[in-house]
């Protein structure tokens, strides 16, 4: 019973929160709004290529939320290219971010928050090729 891949992650909120998250992940991160099955509750599916990687689902009125896990989520990470263009994109939209380098591999990372306060990490393996760095295995 092996795990064979990653499917998606789900963020939940009221409609104004979902709209803000949809706009952020499309306009800032670069995901694409796509088809979603006709579930009984409102939401969006956001895609990378053909894969719906982020589901945004509306919290229904009166729905009880399990709050004991609220503080465990730190961030989601995406593989990206063209770090310098992404940094310009974030600065032009006044998105505060920090940059880091992965020890041993030299891969660059950008970290910032979405409108709901969830962490977003962008990983740039193309920095390795540009710098001529080779990961240590």
Protein backbone atom coordinates (compact mmCIF):
# COMPACT_ATOMS: atom_id res chain seq x y z
CA UNK A 1 0.00 0.00 0.00
CA UNK A 2 2.54 2.62 -1.07
CA UNK A 3 1.78 6.29 -1.43
CA UNK A 4 2.33 7.11 -5.10
CA UNK A 5 2.09 10.90 -5.17
CA UNK A 6 0.73 14.12 -3.83
CA UNK A 7 -2.90 15.00 -4.59
CA UNK A 8 -3.86 18.35 -3.01
CA UNK A 9 -4.23 20.36 0.14
CA UNK A 10 -7.41 22.10 1.29
CA UNK A 11 -7.92 25.50 2.90
CA UNK A 12 -11.30 26.40 4.39
CA UNK A 13 -12.97 29.68 5.14
CA UNK A 14 -15.93 31.93 4.47
CA UNK A 15 -16.55 33.20 0.94
CA UNK A 16 -14.66 36.49 1.27
CA UNK A 17 -11.65 34.57 2.60
CA UNK A 18 -11.89 32.03 -0.23
CA UNK A 19 -12.07 34.82 -2.81
CA UNK A 20 -8.98 36.49 -1.33
CA UNK A 21 -7.11 33.17 -1.27
CA UNK A 22 -8.18 32.37 -4.86
CA UNK A 23 -6.94 35.75 -6.09
CA UNK A 24 -3.68 35.44 -4.16
CA UNK A 25 -2.80 31.95 -5.33
CA UNK A 26 -3.69 32.81 -8.95
CA UNK A 27 -2.21 36.33 -9.16
CA UNK A 28 0.76 36.01 -6.80
CA UNK A 29 1.76 32.32 -6.78
CA UNK A 30 0.69 31.50 -10.34
CA UNK A 31 -1.80 28.68 -9.88
CA UNK A 32 -4.68 28.41 -12.36
CA UNK A 33 -8.38 28.42 -11.48
CA UNK A 34 -9.96 25.31 -12.99
CA UNK A 35 -12.86 22.92 -13.05
CA UNK A 36 -14.38 21.64 -9.84
CA UNK A 37 -17.03 18.93 -9.43
CA UNK A 38 -20.50 20.21 -8.45
CA UNK A 39 -20.23 19.62 -4.71
CA UNK A 40 -23.09 20.77 -2.49
CA UNK A 41 -20.82 23.37 -0.84
CA UNK A 42 -19.09 26.34 -2.47
CA UNK A 43 -15.41 26.33 -3.35
CA UNK A 44 -12.61 26.57 -5.88
CA UNK A 45 -9.97 24.23 -7.26
CA UNK A 46 -6.61 25.68 -8.26
CA UNK A 47 -4.27 23.85 -10.60
CA UNK A 48 -0.66 23.40 -11.58
CA UNK A 49 -0.89 22.01 -15.10
CA UNK A 50 -3.53 19.29 -15.04
CA UNK A 51 -3.32 18.67 -11.27
CA UNK A 52 -5.73 20.39 -8.86
CA UNK A 53 -3.27 21.00 -6.02
CA UNK A 54 -5.24 23.46 -3.88
CA UNK A 55 -8.88 23.08 -2.92
CA UNK A 56 -10.60 26.06 -1.32
CA UNK A 57 -13.77 25.02 0.51
CA UNK A 58 -16.41 27.11 2.21
CA UNK A 59 -17.12 26.56 5.89
CA UNK A 60 -20.84 26.02 6.18
CA UNK A 61 -22.91 28.04 8.64
CA UNK A 62 -22.92 26.41 12.07
CA UNK A 63 -20.25 23.89 11.11
CA UNK A 64 -18.14 22.78 14.05
CA UNK A 65 -14.42 23.02 13.37
CA UNK A 66 -11.82 20.75 14.94
CA UNK A 67 -9.51 23.36 16.47
CA UNK A 68 -6.88 21.14 18.11
CA UNK A 69 -4.84 21.06 14.86
CA UNK A 70 -5.06 24.77 14.06
CA UNK A 71 -1.45 25.50 15.05
CA UNK A 72 0.24 22.60 13.26
CA UNK A 73 0.21 23.79 9.65
CA UNK A 74 3.31 25.80 8.78
CA UNK A 75 3.54 26.14 5.01
CA UNK A 76 3.03 24.65 1.58
CA UNK A 77 5.94 24.49 -0.87
CA UNK A 78 5.96 24.82 -4.65
CA UNK A 79 8.75 24.09 -7.12
CA UNK A 80 9.37 27.15 -9.28
CA UNK A 81 11.71 28.70 -11.83
CA UNK A 82 13.02 32.22 -12.41
CA UNK A 83 13.59 33.35 -8.83
CA UNK A 84 14.64 36.90 -9.70
CA UNK A 85 11.44 37.45 -11.71
CA UNK A 86 9.41 36.04 -8.81
CA UNK A 87 11.12 38.39 -6.36
CA UNK A 88 10.33 41.35 -8.61
CA UNK A 89 6.73 40.13 -8.85
CA UNK A 90 6.43 39.93 -5.03
CA UNK A 91 8.03 43.37 -4.49
CA UNK A 92 5.74 45.00 -7.09
CA UNK A 93 2.73 43.67 -5.17
CA UNK A 94 4.13 44.63 -1.75
CA UNK A 95 4.31 41.02 -0.58
CA UNK A 96 6.82 40.79 2.27
CA UNK A 97 9.07 37.75 1.91
CA UNK A 98 12.30 36.32 3.19
CA UNK A 99 14.90 34.35 1.31
CA UNK A 100 16.85 31.31 2.42
CA UNK A 101 19.32 28.81 1.01
CA UNK A 102 19.04 25.07 1.68
CA UNK A 103 22.16 23.74 3.43
CA UNK A 104 24.26 21.34 1.34
CA UNK A 105 22.19 21.72 -1.85
CA UNK A 106 22.34 25.50 -2.24
CA UNK A 107 18.74 25.62 -3.48
CA UNK A 108 17.09 29.02 -2.95
CA UNK A 109 13.74 29.47 -1.22
CA UNK A 110 11.33 32.36 -0.80
CA UNK A 111 8.90 32.41 2.14
CA UNK A 112 5.81 34.60 2.60
CA UNK A 113 2.23 34.48 3.92
CA UNK A 114 -1.07 34.20 2.09
CA UNK A 115 -4.04 36.45 3.07
CA UNK A 116 -5.16 33.94 5.74
CA UNK A 117 -1.69 33.77 7.31
CA UNK A 118 -0.69 30.38 5.87
CA UNK A 119 2.97 30.02 4.96
CA UNK A 120 4.01 29.70 1.31
CA UNK A 121 7.44 28.47 0.22
CA UNK A 122 8.78 28.73 -3.31
CA UNK A 123 11.76 26.52 -4.22
CA UNK A 124 14.10 27.37 -7.08
CA UNK A 125 16.27 24.52 -8.29
CA UNK A 126 17.27 26.56 -11.36
CA UNK A 127 19.50 28.65 -9.08
CA UNK A 128 21.71 25.57 -8.76
CA UNK A 129 22.31 25.36 -12.51
CA UNK A 130 22.86 29.13 -12.81
CA UNK A 131 25.44 29.12 -10.05
CA UNK A 132 27.07 25.93 -11.24
CA UNK A 133 26.35 24.40 -7.83
CA UNK A 134 25.90 20.68 -7.53
CA UNK A 135 23.94 19.12 -4.69
CA UNK A 136 25.87 16.93 -2.33
CA UNK A 137 24.21 13.54 -2.19
